[in-house]
């Protein structure tokens, strides 16, 4: 089981670290990655206003994540207020 979990965890840890580096500190305080599966990142956001800001820069974020973490094969970012 560890052989299956460890590579997956390492792959998604890189995504999480990159996410933290790509976002401005103030914006990063109001959201967190909740799930990564099937080529999608689910991001929980504190409010609709922050979700809107993130959606505005989602194409750039996605491109940067693809560049930094190609092994994760991220294709979409979903922002969920919650």
N, C-alpha and C. Protein backbone atom coordinates (compact mmCIF):
# COMPACT_ATOMS: atom_id res chain seq x y z
N UNK A 1 0.83 -1.19 0.00
CA UNK A 1 0.00 0.00 0.00
C UNK A 1 0.87 1.26 0.00
N UNK A 2 1.95 1.24 0.76
CA UNK A 2 2.83 2.42 0.83
C UNK A 2 3.41 2.77 -0.53
N UNK A 3 3.66 1.76 -1.36
CA UNK A 3 4.20 2.00 -2.69
C UNK A 3 3.23 2.79 -3.56
N UNK A 4 1.94 2.65 -3.32
CA UNK A 4 0.93 3.37 -4.07
C UNK A 4 0.72 4.78 -3.52
N UNK A 5 0.73 4.90 -2.21
CA UNK A 5 0.43 6.18 -1.57
C UNK A 5 1.60 7.16 -1.69
N UNK A 6 2.82 6.72 -1.45
CA UNK A 6 3.97 7.62 -1.43
C UNK A 6 4.17 8.39 -2.73
N UNK A 7 4.16 7.75 -3.92
CA UNK A 7 4.33 8.54 -5.14
C UNK A 7 3.20 9.55 -5.35
N UNK A 8 1.98 9.15 -5.05
CA UNK A 8 0.83 10.05 -5.21
C UNK A 8 0.96 11.24 -4.26
N UNK A 9 1.33 10.95 -3.02
CA UNK A 9 1.49 12.02 -2.04
C UNK A 9 2.59 12.99 -2.46
N UNK A 10 3.70 12.48 -2.95
CA UNK A 10 4.81 13.33 -3.38
C UNK A 10 4.39 14.21 -4.55
N UNK A 11 3.64 13.64 -5.49
CA UNK A 11 3.19 14.39 -6.66
C UNK A 11 2.29 15.55 -6.24
N UNK A 12 1.37 15.29 -5.34
CA UNK A 12 0.43 16.32 -4.95
C UNK A 12 1.01 17.28 -3.92
N UNK A 13 2.02 16.86 -3.21
CA UNK A 13 2.71 17.78 -2.31
C UNK A 13 3.40 18.88 -3.13
N UNK A 14 3.95 18.49 -4.27
CA UNK A 14 4.58 19.48 -5.16
C UNK A 14 3.56 20.49 -5.65
N UNK A 15 2.35 20.03 -5.96
CA UNK A 15 1.29 20.94 -6.41
C UNK A 15 0.94 21.91 -5.29
N UNK A 16 0.79 21.40 -4.09
CA UNK A 16 0.43 22.24 -2.95
C UNK A 16 1.52 23.29 -2.67
N UNK A 17 2.77 22.88 -2.74
CA UNK A 17 3.86 23.83 -2.53
C UNK A 17 3.89 24.89 -3.62
N UNK A 18 3.71 24.48 -4.85
CA UNK A 18 3.69 25.44 -5.96
C UNK A 18 2.54 26.41 -5.81
N UNK A 19 1.38 25.91 -5.44
CA UNK A 19 0.20 26.74 -5.23
C UNK A 19 0.53 27.85 -4.23
N UNK A 20 1.15 27.47 -3.12
CA UNK A 20 1.50 28.45 -2.09
C UNK A 20 2.48 29.50 -2.58
N UNK A 21 3.36 29.13 -3.48
CA UNK A 21 4.34 30.06 -4.01
C UNK A 21 3.76 30.98 -5.08
N UNK A 22 2.78 30.47 -5.83
CA UNK A 22 2.22 31.24 -6.94
C UNK A 22 1.26 32.33 -6.48
N UNK A 23 0.52 32.08 -5.42
CA UNK A 23 -0.48 33.04 -4.97
C UNK A 23 0.14 34.17 -4.15
N UNK A 24 -0.38 35.37 -4.30
CA UNK A 24 0.02 36.44 -3.38
C UNK A 24 -0.34 36.03 -1.96
N UNK A 25 0.47 36.40 -0.99
CA UNK A 25 0.28 35.98 0.39
C UNK A 25 -1.13 36.30 0.89
N UNK A 26 -1.61 37.50 0.64
CA UNK A 26 -2.93 37.90 1.13
C UNK A 26 -4.03 37.01 0.56
N UNK A 27 -3.96 36.70 -0.70
CA UNK A 27 -4.97 35.85 -1.34
C UNK A 27 -4.85 34.41 -0.84
N UNK A 28 -3.63 33.96 -0.64
CA UNK A 28 -3.39 32.60 -0.16
C UNK A 28 -3.94 32.34 1.23
N UNK A 29 -4.08 33.38 2.02
CA UNK A 29 -4.64 33.23 3.38
C UNK A 29 -6.13 32.89 3.37
N UNK A 30 -6.77 33.10 2.26
CA UNK A 30 -8.23 32.94 2.21
C UNK A 30 -8.68 31.74 1.38
N UNK A 31 -7.74 30.86 1.06
CA UNK A 31 -8.12 29.67 0.31
C UNK A 31 -7.16 28.52 0.61
N UNK A 32 -7.61 27.31 0.32
CA UNK A 32 -6.75 26.14 0.51
C UNK A 32 -7.19 25.03 -0.44
N UNK A 33 -6.23 24.23 -0.85
CA UNK A 33 -6.54 23.09 -1.71
C UNK A 33 -7.23 22.04 -0.85
N UNK A 34 -8.41 21.61 -1.29
CA UNK A 34 -9.17 20.62 -0.55
C UNK A 34 -8.99 19.23 -1.15
N UNK A 35 -8.79 19.16 -2.47
CA UNK A 35 -8.69 17.86 -3.12
C UNK A 35 -7.97 18.00 -4.45
N UNK A 36 -7.27 16.96 -4.81
CA UNK A 36 -6.65 16.86 -6.13
C UNK A 36 -6.95 15.47 -6.65
N UNK A 37 -7.74 15.40 -7.71
CA UNK A 37 -8.05 14.10 -8.30
C UNK A 37 -8.55 14.28 -9.72
N UNK A 38 -8.29 13.29 -10.54
CA UNK A 38 -8.78 13.30 -11.91
C UNK A 38 -8.37 14.52 -12.71
N UNK A 39 -7.18 15.05 -12.44
CA UNK A 39 -6.72 16.22 -13.18
C UNK A 39 -7.34 17.53 -12.73
N UNK A 40 -8.03 17.50 -11.61
CA UNK A 40 -8.69 18.71 -11.09
C UNK A 40 -8.20 19.03 -9.69
N UNK A 41 -8.09 20.32 -9.44
CA UNK A 41 -7.80 20.80 -8.10
C UNK A 41 -9.07 21.46 -7.58
N UNK A 42 -9.50 21.06 -6.40
CA UNK A 42 -10.64 21.70 -5.76
C UNK A 42 -10.09 22.62 -4.67
N UNK A 43 -10.41 23.90 -4.80
CA UNK A 43 -9.90 24.91 -3.87
C UNK A 43 -11.07 25.48 -3.07
N UNK A 44 -10.98 25.39 -1.75
CA UNK A 44 -11.99 26.01 -0.88
C UNK A 44 -11.59 27.46 -0.66
N UNK A 45 -12.55 28.35 -0.84
CA UNK A 45 -12.31 29.78 -0.74
C UNK A 45 -13.26 30.36 0.29
N UNK A 46 -12.79 31.30 1.11
CA UNK A 46 -13.59 31.88 2.19
C UNK A 46 -14.83 32.62 1.73
N UNK A 47 -14.73 33.34 0.62
CA UNK A 47 -15.87 34.16 0.21
C UNK A 47 -15.96 34.22 -1.31
N UNK A 48 -17.11 34.66 -1.78
CA UNK A 48 -17.33 34.80 -3.22
C UNK A 48 -16.37 35.84 -3.81
N UNK A 49 -16.05 36.85 -3.05
CA UNK A 49 -15.13 37.90 -3.54
C UNK A 49 -13.74 37.31 -3.83
N UNK A 50 -13.25 36.48 -2.93
CA UNK A 50 -11.94 35.86 -3.16
C UNK A 50 -12.02 34.83 -4.29
N UNK A 51 -13.13 34.12 -4.38
CA UNK A 51 -13.31 33.16 -5.47
C UNK A 51 -13.28 33.89 -6.81
N UNK A 52 -13.90 35.05 -6.86
CA UNK A 52 -13.90 35.84 -8.09
C UNK A 52 -12.48 36.26 -8.47
N UNK A 53 -11.71 36.73 -7.48
CA UNK A 53 -10.32 37.12 -7.75
C UNK A 53 -9.52 35.94 -8.28
N UNK A 54 -9.72 34.78 -7.70
CA UNK A 54 -8.99 33.60 -8.14
C UNK A 54 -9.42 33.17 -9.54
N UNK A 55 -10.69 33.28 -9.84
CA UNK A 55 -11.16 32.92 -11.19
C UNK A 55 -10.55 33.84 -12.24
N UNK A 56 -10.36 35.10 -11.89
CA UNK A 56 -9.76 36.04 -12.84
C UNK A 56 -8.34 35.62 -13.24
N UNK A 57 -7.63 35.03 -12.32
CA UNK A 57 -6.25 34.63 -12.63
C UNK A 57 -6.10 33.12 -12.78
N UNK A 58 -7.21 32.39 -12.91
CA UNK A 58 -7.15 30.93 -12.96
C UNK A 58 -6.38 30.39 -14.16
N UNK A 59 -6.49 31.03 -15.32
CA UNK A 59 -5.75 30.55 -16.50
C UNK A 59 -4.25 30.64 -16.26
N UNK A 60 -3.83 31.74 -15.70
CA UNK A 60 -2.41 31.92 -15.41
C UNK A 60 -1.94 30.92 -14.34
N UNK A 61 -2.75 30.76 -13.29
CA UNK A 61 -2.41 29.79 -12.24
C UNK A 61 -2.30 28.38 -12.80
N UNK A 62 -3.26 28.01 -13.64
CA UNK A 62 -3.26 26.68 -14.22
C UNK A 62 -2.01 26.47 -15.08
N UNK A 63 -1.68 27.44 -15.89
CA UNK A 63 -0.49 27.34 -16.72
C UNK A 63 0.78 27.19 -15.89
N UNK A 64 0.87 27.97 -14.83
CA UNK A 64 2.04 27.89 -13.95
C UNK A 64 2.12 26.53 -13.25
N UNK A 65 0.97 26.03 -12.79
CA UNK A 65 0.96 24.71 -12.13
C UNK A 65 1.36 23.61 -13.11
N UNK A 66 0.86 23.69 -14.33
CA UNK A 66 1.23 22.70 -15.35
C UNK A 66 2.74 22.74 -15.60
N UNK A 67 3.30 23.94 -15.60
CA UNK A 67 4.72 24.12 -15.84
C UNK A 67 5.56 23.59 -14.67
N UNK A 68 5.14 23.91 -13.45
CA UNK A 68 5.89 23.50 -12.26
C UNK A 68 5.71 22.03 -11.91
N UNK A 69 4.54 21.48 -12.20
CA UNK A 69 4.20 20.11 -11.76
C UNK A 69 3.57 19.30 -12.91
N UNK A 70 4.30 19.07 -13.98
CA UNK A 70 3.70 18.35 -15.12
C UNK A 70 3.26 16.94 -14.78
N UNK A 71 3.92 16.31 -13.80
CA UNK A 71 3.57 14.95 -13.43
C UNK A 71 2.18 14.84 -12.81
N UNK A 72 1.64 15.94 -12.30
CA UNK A 72 0.31 15.92 -11.68
C UNK A 72 -0.81 15.94 -12.72
N UNK A 73 -0.50 16.37 -13.94
CA UNK A 73 -1.47 16.41 -15.04
C UNK A 73 -2.75 17.18 -14.69
N UNK A 74 -2.57 18.35 -14.10
CA UNK A 74 -3.69 19.19 -13.71
C UNK A 74 -4.29 19.84 -14.96
N UNK A 75 -5.60 19.73 -15.11
CA UNK A 75 -6.30 20.29 -16.27
C UNK A 75 -7.33 21.36 -15.90
N UNK A 76 -7.72 21.40 -14.63
CA UNK A 76 -8.77 22.35 -14.24
C UNK A 76 -8.65 22.68 -12.77
N UNK A 77 -9.02 23.91 -12.44
CA UNK A 77 -9.10 24.35 -11.05
C UNK A 77 -10.53 24.75 -10.77
N UNK A 78 -11.12 24.15 -9.75
CA UNK A 78 -12.49 24.48 -9.33
C UNK A 78 -12.41 25.25 -8.01
N UNK A 79 -13.09 26.39 -7.96
CA UNK A 79 -13.12 27.20 -6.75
C UNK A 79 -14.50 27.06 -6.10
N UNK A 80 -14.49 26.66 -4.83
CA UNK A 80 -15.74 26.42 -4.10
C UNK A 80 -15.75 27.29 -2.86
N UNK A 81 -16.78 28.09 -2.72
CA UNK A 81 -16.92 28.92 -1.52
C UNK A 81 -17.42 28.03 -0.39
N UNK A 82 -16.71 28.09 0.72
CA UNK A 82 -17.14 27.24 1.82
C UNK A 82 -16.34 27.37 3.06
